[in-house]
Amino acid sequence: MEITTWFGTIVTDKDRKISTKECSLCSKNPDSIARHIIDSRPSKASSLQIDLRSTALECGFVDSEEEYETLLRESAIKASKIQISNATTIDIRIIQAVEAIDDIDETTNLLSERLSEWYGMYFPELNLTSEDLAQFVAKHGSKSNLTQDNEWYSIANNSMGAELSGSEEKVIKDFATNLCNLYKNRKEIEDYIMENMEYAAPNLTNIAGALLGSRLISMTGSLERLASLPSSTIQVIGANKALFKHLRSRATSPKHGVIFNHPLIKNAPWWQRGKIARAFASKISLAARIDYYSGEVNDKLSINLDEKIQNIKNTYPYPPGKNKSKN
């Protein structure tokens, strides 16, 4: 009888006596033992009524109980580290990237407002916001540094704002430069998401786009969780307030959640959005399941979606209560 243990495979006869010649033992390397533990899934010694400590000594795997304890402890720690490392799947890393973008957006919005108020004391006529404002301040600093070929030159000459001193200019330029770096970092994270979504969920990316697809994965917790949800749930992900209001009162049920941000729904006439959202969510659900369970790219999904949406547009060209004769 072969029995798999954490230190190798042992062979016993009918009387449970160990055949030392037929045993296959691991090397005394914690890394190789850890890999053996993960790959082989050792049998439970309690159910087999085997004393592993005595067996390891009898087989000659270790020379003492102290060596047995040391190897077991080191190998178990190594195996745990490997399993934790393997548990960090690509969709989990994508979720971290999405949440990082959310944190950056919150920070940049706050800092951009501060820069607008701060620099507005020196150049209130400057009609720039967000990244454009940060780049302008980081590049030029004081309005007096503008050259004649700059589009803001004439406005700057007639500005009612105060003048920036040398020390003030350095501080505000450094502030704007740091803000520009945040905007740059956000774009880099977006590129990272788009690159990894093509690998982790190619069908979901083809249907919803990398950014919306990653957002859905983030909001549900994993690609596995997204793949397990029905299309009706996917359709209203992100519409929590409207959904709770519908459940508590007689308010109409939400027709779409975060998927509204996709151009197929956002740019559609209002009376078509609910039907398009339903068809869109159905394809997202199917795409997520294919990505999770097989990973094979199915080009027919996007073709079928286009056909369904075109059919909706042809069937419902006018708002409810209107027809062609009235127009």
Protein backbone atom coordinates (compact mmCIF):
# COMPACT_ATOMS: atom_id res chain seq x y z
CA MET A 1 0.00 0.00 0.00
CA GLU A 2 1.35 3.43 -0.99
CA ILE A 3 0.86 6.29 1.43
CA THR A 4 1.72 9.89 0.53
CA THR A 5 3.24 11.87 3.38
CA TRP A 6 4.72 15.35 3.57
CA PHE A 7 8.25 13.94 3.25
CA GLY A 8 7.57 11.45 0.41
CA THR A 9 5.75 8.24 -0.48
CA ILE A 10 6.06 5.20 1.77
CA VAL A 11 5.03 1.64 0.96
CA THR A 12 3.61 -0.80 3.52
CA ASP A 13 2.57 -4.43 3.39
CA LYS A 14 -0.65 -5.96 4.67
CA ASP A 15 0.63 -5.81 8.23
CA ARG A 16 1.47 -2.09 7.81
CA LYS A 17 5.18 -2.80 7.96
CA ILE A 18 7.24 -0.28 6.00
CA SER A 19 9.27 -1.44 3.01
CA THR A 20 12.23 0.90 3.17
CA LYS A 21 13.55 -0.22 -0.24
CA GLU A 22 10.36 0.81 -2.04
CA CYS A 23 9.86 4.16 -0.29
CA SER A 24 10.34 7.33 -2.35
CA LEU A 25 11.55 10.13 -0.09
CA CYS A 26 12.02 13.83 -0.79
CA SER A 27 15.36 15.54 -0.49
CA LYS A 28 15.96 17.47 2.71
CA ASN A 29 15.27 20.78 0.96
CA PRO A 30 12.36 22.81 2.40
CA ASP A 31 11.60 24.29 -1.04
CA SER A 32 11.26 20.90 -2.76
CA ILE A 33 9.33 19.48 0.19
CA ALA A 34 6.95 22.47 0.09
CA ARG A 35 6.30 21.88 -3.61
CA HIS A 36 5.71 18.19 -2.89
CA ILE A 37 3.18 19.08 -0.17
CA ILE A 38 1.24 21.33 -2.54
CA ASP A 39 1.33 19.03 -5.57
CA SER A 40 0.78 15.64 -3.92
CA ARG A 41 -1.76 16.45 -1.19
CA PRO A 42 -0.51 14.06 1.51
CA SER A 43 -2.94 11.60 3.10
CA LYS A 44 -4.24 12.30 6.58
CA ALA A 45 -2.12 10.32 9.00
CA SER A 46 -4.90 10.17 11.59
CA SER A 47 -7.21 8.24 9.26
CA LEU A 48 -4.42 5.79 8.38
CA GLN A 49 -3.30 5.38 12.01
CA ILE A 50 0.34 6.11 11.17
CA ASP A 51 2.86 7.91 13.35
CA LEU A 52 4.63 10.07 10.78
CA ARG A 53 7.42 11.02 13.18
CA SER A 54 8.37 7.38 13.81
CA THR A 55 7.91 6.55 10.13
CA ALA A 56 10.29 9.32 9.05
CA LEU A 57 12.91 7.98 11.49
CA GLU A 58 12.37 4.38 10.41
CA CYS A 59 12.67 5.23 6.71
CA GLY A 60 15.87 7.14 7.33
CA PHE A 61 14.47 10.46 6.16
CA VAL A 62 15.66 12.17 9.35
CA ASP A 63 18.17 11.21 12.01
CA SER A 64 16.42 12.74 15.02
CA GLU A 65 13.12 14.13 16.22
CA GLU A 66 14.67 17.63 16.32
CA GLU A 67 15.53 17.41 12.63
CA TYR A 68 12.00 16.18 11.89
CA GLU A 69 10.44 19.18 13.69
CA THR A 70 12.77 21.66 11.97
CA LEU A 71 12.14 20.34 8.46
CA LEU A 72 8.39 20.11 9.02
CA ARG A 73 8.18 23.69 10.29
CA GLU A 74 10.32 25.17 7.50
CA SER A 75 8.53 23.20 4.78
CA ALA A 76 5.08 24.16 6.07
CA ILE A 77 6.04 27.85 6.09
CA LYS A 78 7.39 27.58 2.53
CA ALA A 79 4.24 25.81 1.34
CA SER A 80 2.02 28.47 2.93
CA LYS A 81 3.97 31.26 1.24
CA ILE A 82 3.65 29.57 -2.15
CA GLN A 83 -0.10 29.07 -1.74
CA ILE A 84 -0.61 32.69 -0.66
CA SER A 85 1.40 33.86 -3.66
CA ASN A 86 -0.64 31.69 -6.03
CA ALA A 87 -3.88 32.97 -4.51
CA THR A 88 -3.12 36.46 -5.88
CA THR A 89 -4.74 35.95 -9.26
CA ILE A 90 -4.69 38.42 -12.13
CA ASP A 91 -8.28 39.56 -11.56
CA ILE A 92 -7.41 40.41 -7.95
CA ARG A 93 -4.50 42.52 -9.19
CA ILE A 94 -6.83 44.25 -11.63
CA ILE A 95 -9.18 45.07 -8.76
CA GLN A 96 -6.30 46.69 -6.88
CA ALA A 97 -5.50 48.79 -9.96
CA VAL A 98 -9.14 49.90 -10.30
CA GLU A 99 -9.27 50.90 -6.64
CA ALA A 100 -5.96 52.74 -7.06
CA ILE A 101 -7.52 54.77 -9.88
CA ASP A 102 -10.47 55.61 -7.62
CA ASP A 103 -8.07 56.82 -4.93
CA ILE A 104 -6.13 58.89 -7.46
CA ASP A 105 -9.34 60.43 -8.82
CA GLU A 106 -10.42 61.43 -5.34
CA THR A 107 -7.00 62.91 -4.58
CA THR A 108 -6.58 64.74 -7.90
CA ASN A 109 -10.05 66.27 -7.67
CA LEU A 110 -9.26 67.62 -4.22
CA LEU A 111 -5.79 68.89 -5.16
CA SER A 112 -7.03 70.35 -8.44
CA GLU A 113 -9.63 72.42 -6.61
CA ARG A 114 -6.95 73.63 -4.22
CA LEU A 115 -4.63 74.58 -7.09
CA SER A 116 -7.47 76.41 -8.87
CA GLU A 117 -8.22 78.51 -5.79
CA TRP A 118 -4.56 79.07 -5.01
CA TYR A 119 -3.38 80.03 -8.50
CA GLY A 120 -6.63 81.95 -9.08
CA MET A 121 -5.33 84.66 -6.74
CA TYR A 122 -2.51 85.34 -9.20
CA PHE A 123 -4.22 84.68 -12.53
CA PRO A 124 -8.02 84.63 -12.02
CA GLU A 125 -8.72 85.00 -15.77
CA LEU A 126 -7.10 81.67 -16.58
CA ASN A 127 -9.96 79.45 -17.71
CA LEU A 128 -8.28 76.07 -17.19
CA THR A 129 -9.13 73.22 -14.84
CA SER A 130 -7.86 69.82 -13.71
CA GLU A 131 -4.90 68.44 -15.67
CA ASP A 132 -4.72 71.40 -18.09
CA LEU A 133 -4.36 73.81 -15.18
CA ALA A 134 -1.73 71.67 -13.46
CA GLN A 135 0.34 71.43 -16.64
CA PHE A 136 0.10 75.17 -17.24
CA VAL A 137 1.24 76.07 -13.73
CA ALA A 138 3.99 73.44 -13.70
CA LYS A 139 5.36 74.71 -17.02
CA HIS A 140 5.01 78.49 -16.71
CA GLY A 141 4.63 79.33 -13.03
CA SER A 142 4.04 83.07 -12.87
CA LYS A 143 1.94 84.69 -15.62
CA SER A 144 4.82 87.08 -16.23
CA ASN A 145 6.81 84.19 -17.70
CA LEU A 146 4.46 83.81 -20.66
CA THR A 147 5.89 84.63 -24.08
CA GLN A 148 4.11 86.54 -26.82
CA ASP A 149 3.35 83.39 -28.80
CA ASN A 150 1.33 81.98 -25.89
CA GLU A 151 -2.46 82.15 -26.28
CA TRP A 152 -2.81 83.53 -22.74
CA TYR A 153 -0.18 86.27 -23.14
CA SER A 154 -2.51 89.21 -23.76
CA ILE A 155 -4.92 88.16 -21.04
CA ALA A 156 -2.03 87.75 -18.59
CA ASN A 157 -0.78 91.29 -19.30
CA ASN A 158 -4.16 92.73 -18.33
CA SER A 159 -4.76 90.37 -15.40
CA MET A 160 -5.97 91.80 -12.10
CA GLY A 161 -4.26 89.06 -10.14
CA ALA A 162 -1.38 89.54 -7.72
CA GLU A 163 2.22 88.93 -8.67
CA LEU A 164 4.00 85.75 -7.65
CA SER A 165 7.21 86.14 -5.70
CA GLY A 166 10.15 83.82 -6.35
CA SER A 167 9.56 81.63 -3.30
CA GLU A 168 5.80 81.47 -3.89
CA GLU A 169 6.30 80.53 -7.52
CA LYS A 170 8.58 77.61 -6.64
CA VAL A 171 6.13 76.23 -4.08
CA ILE A 172 3.10 76.43 -6.38
CA LYS A 173 5.03 75.01 -9.35
CA ASP A 174 6.18 72.04 -7.24
CA PHE A 175 2.59 71.53 -6.12
CA ALA A 176 1.38 71.53 -9.73
CA THR A 177 4.20 69.20 -10.79
CA ASN A 178 3.22 66.65 -8.17
CA LEU A 179 -0.37 66.88 -9.38
CA CYS A 180 0.79 66.28 -12.97
CA ASN A 181 2.64 63.18 -11.80
CA LEU A 182 -0.58 61.84 -10.30
CA TYR A 183 -2.39 62.34 -13.62
CA LYS A 184 0.49 60.60 -15.40
CA ASN A 185 0.40 57.72 -12.93
CA ARG A 186 -3.34 57.34 -13.49
CA LYS A 187 -2.80 56.92 -17.22
CA GLU A 188 -0.11 54.31 -16.55
CA ILE A 189 -2.49 52.34 -14.33
CA GLU A 190 -5.18 52.55 -17.02
CA ASP A 191 -2.72 51.11 -19.54
CA TYR A 192 -1.90 48.35 -17.06
CA ILE A 193 -5.59 47.51 -16.68
CA MET A 194 -6.20 47.45 -20.43
CA GLU A 195 -3.19 45.21 -21.03
CA ASN A 196 -4.12 42.73 -18.31
CA MET A 197 -7.82 42.67 -19.13
CA GLU A 198 -6.95 41.46 -22.63
CA TYR A 199 -5.28 38.47 -20.99
CA ALA A 200 -7.57 37.87 -18.00
CA ALA A 201 -10.97 38.47 -19.63
CA PRO A 202 -10.70 38.87 -23.42
CA ASN A 203 -14.40 38.28 -24.14
CA LEU A 204 -15.53 40.67 -21.41
CA THR A 205 -13.09 43.24 -22.80
CA ASN A 206 -14.49 42.83 -26.32
CA ILE A 207 -18.06 43.30 -25.11
CA ALA A 208 -17.79 45.94 -22.38
CA GLY A 209 -14.33 47.42 -22.88
CA ALA A 210 -11.34 47.06 -20.57
CA LEU A 211 -12.23 49.86 -18.16
CA LEU A 212 -15.92 49.00 -17.71
CA GLY A 213 -15.11 45.29 -17.56
CA SER A 214 -12.49 45.84 -14.87
CA ARG A 215 -14.95 48.05 -12.97
CA LEU A 216 -17.53 45.24 -12.97
CA ILE A 217 -14.92 42.77 -11.71
CA SER A 218 -13.94 45.21 -8.98
CA MET A 219 -17.52 45.85 -7.87
CA THR A 220 -18.35 42.13 -7.71
CA GLY A 221 -15.06 41.06 -6.09
CA SER A 222 -13.63 38.69 -8.71
CA LEU A 223 -14.12 37.35 -12.22
CA GLU A 224 -15.49 34.16 -10.67
CA ARG A 225 -18.14 36.10 -8.78
CA LEU A 226 -19.08 38.12 -11.87
CA ALA A 227 -19.40 34.91 -13.89
CA SER A 228 -21.80 33.45 -11.29
CA LEU A 229 -24.22 36.39 -11.35
CA PRO A 230 -27.37 36.39 -13.49
CA SER A 231 -27.63 39.04 -16.18
CA SER A 232 -30.48 40.76 -14.32
CA THR A 233 -28.11 41.45 -11.41
CA ILE A 234 -25.27 42.59 -13.65
CA GLN A 235 -27.68 45.02 -15.32
CA VAL A 236 -28.21 46.99 -12.08
CA ILE A 237 -24.76 46.72 -10.46
CA GLY A 238 -23.93 50.17 -9.15
CA ALA A 239 -27.57 51.31 -8.88
CA ASN A 240 -27.83 50.45 -5.18
CA LYS A 241 -29.69 53.59 -4.09
CA ALA A 242 -32.27 53.34 -6.86
CA LEU A 243 -32.71 49.62 -6.21
CA PHE A 244 -33.24 50.08 -2.46
CA LYS A 245 -35.66 52.93 -3.15
CA HIS A 246 -37.59 50.64 -5.47
CA LEU A 247 -37.70 47.88 -2.83
CA ARG A 248 -38.78 50.23 -0.02
CA SER A 249 -41.38 52.19 -1.96
CA ARG A 250 -43.24 52.21 -5.21
CA ALA A 251 -40.43 53.85 -7.15
CA THR A 252 -39.70 52.40 -10.58
CA SER A 253 -37.01 49.75 -10.73
CA PRO A 254 -33.63 50.85 -12.12
CA LYS A 255 -32.97 49.85 -15.71
CA HIS A 256 -29.19 50.07 -15.55
CA GLY A 257 -26.32 50.65 -13.15
CA VAL A 258 -22.68 51.27 -13.95
CA ILE A 259 -23.10 49.78 -17.44
CA PHE A 260 -24.93 53.02 -18.34
CA ASN A 261 -21.48 54.54 -18.91
CA HIS A 262 -21.00 52.40 -22.01
CA PRO A 263 -21.68 54.36 -25.24
CA LEU A 264 -24.16 51.73 -26.46
CA ILE A 265 -26.50 52.69 -23.61
CA LYS A 266 -25.44 56.25 -22.83
CA ASN A 267 -25.82 57.44 -26.43
CA ALA A 268 -29.07 55.58 -27.09
CA PRO A 269 -32.50 57.32 -26.93
CA TRP A 270 -34.00 57.14 -23.45
CA TRP A 271 -36.81 54.77 -24.42
CA GLN A 272 -34.33 52.21 -25.82
CA ARG A 273 -31.85 52.24 -22.95
CA GLY A 274 -33.62 49.69 -20.75
CA LYS A 275 -33.90 47.13 -23.55
CA ILE A 276 -30.32 47.71 -24.70
CA ALA A 277 -29.09 47.44 -21.09
CA ARG A 278 -30.84 44.09 -20.74
CA ALA A 279 -29.27 42.73 -23.93
CA PHE A 280 -25.89 44.21 -23.00
CA ALA A 281 -25.94 42.69 -19.49
CA SER A 282 -26.86 39.30 -20.95
CA LYS A 283 -23.77 39.33 -23.17
CA ILE A 284 -21.56 40.52 -20.31
CA SER A 285 -22.74 37.60 -18.20
CA LEU A 286 -22.05 35.14 -21.00
CA ALA A 287 -18.64 36.69 -21.75
CA ALA A 288 -17.58 36.53 -18.09
CA ARG A 289 -18.52 32.85 -17.88
CA ILE A 290 -16.58 31.97 -21.02
CA ASP A 291 -13.55 33.89 -19.72
CA TYR A 292 -13.63 32.20 -16.33
CA TYR A 293 -14.38 28.63 -17.38
CA SER A 294 -12.59 28.31 -20.73
CA GLY A 295 -10.72 31.50 -21.57
CA GLU A 296 -11.32 31.00 -25.30
CA VAL A 297 -12.16 34.08 -27.37
CA ASN A 298 -15.63 33.99 -28.91
CA ASP A 299 -15.98 36.64 -31.63
CA LYS A 300 -19.64 35.77 -32.16
CA LEU A 301 -20.61 37.46 -28.88
CA SER A 302 -20.01 40.99 -30.13
CA ILE A 303 -21.65 40.19 -33.49
CA ASN A 304 -24.77 38.85 -31.78
CA LEU A 305 -24.87 41.89 -29.50
CA ASP A 306 -24.72 44.27 -32.46
CA GLU A 307 -27.54 42.39 -34.14
CA LYS A 308 -29.71 42.53 -31.01
CA ILE A 309 -29.14 46.24 -30.52
CA GLN A 310 -29.88 46.98 -34.16
CA ASN A 311 -33.08 44.96 -33.85
CA ILE A 312 -34.10 47.02 -30.79
CA LYS A 313 -33.46 50.26 -32.67
CA ASN A 314 -35.49 49.07 -35.64
CA THR A 315 -38.37 47.78 -33.50
CA TYR A 316 -38.60 50.84 -31.23
CA PRO A 317 -37.61 53.86 -33.35
CA TYR A 318 -40.02 56.23 -31.58
CA PRO A 319 -40.79 57.03 -27.91
CA PRO A 320 -43.81 55.38 -26.26
CA GLY A 321 -47.07 57.03 -27.30
CA LYS A 322 -45.68 58.24 -30.61
CA ASN A 323 -45.74 56.74 -34.05
CA LYS A 324 -44.53 57.58 -37.48
CA SER A 325 -47.74 59.33 -38.55
CA LYS A 326 -47.38 61.90 -35.76
CA ASN A 327 -43.90 62.99 -36.86
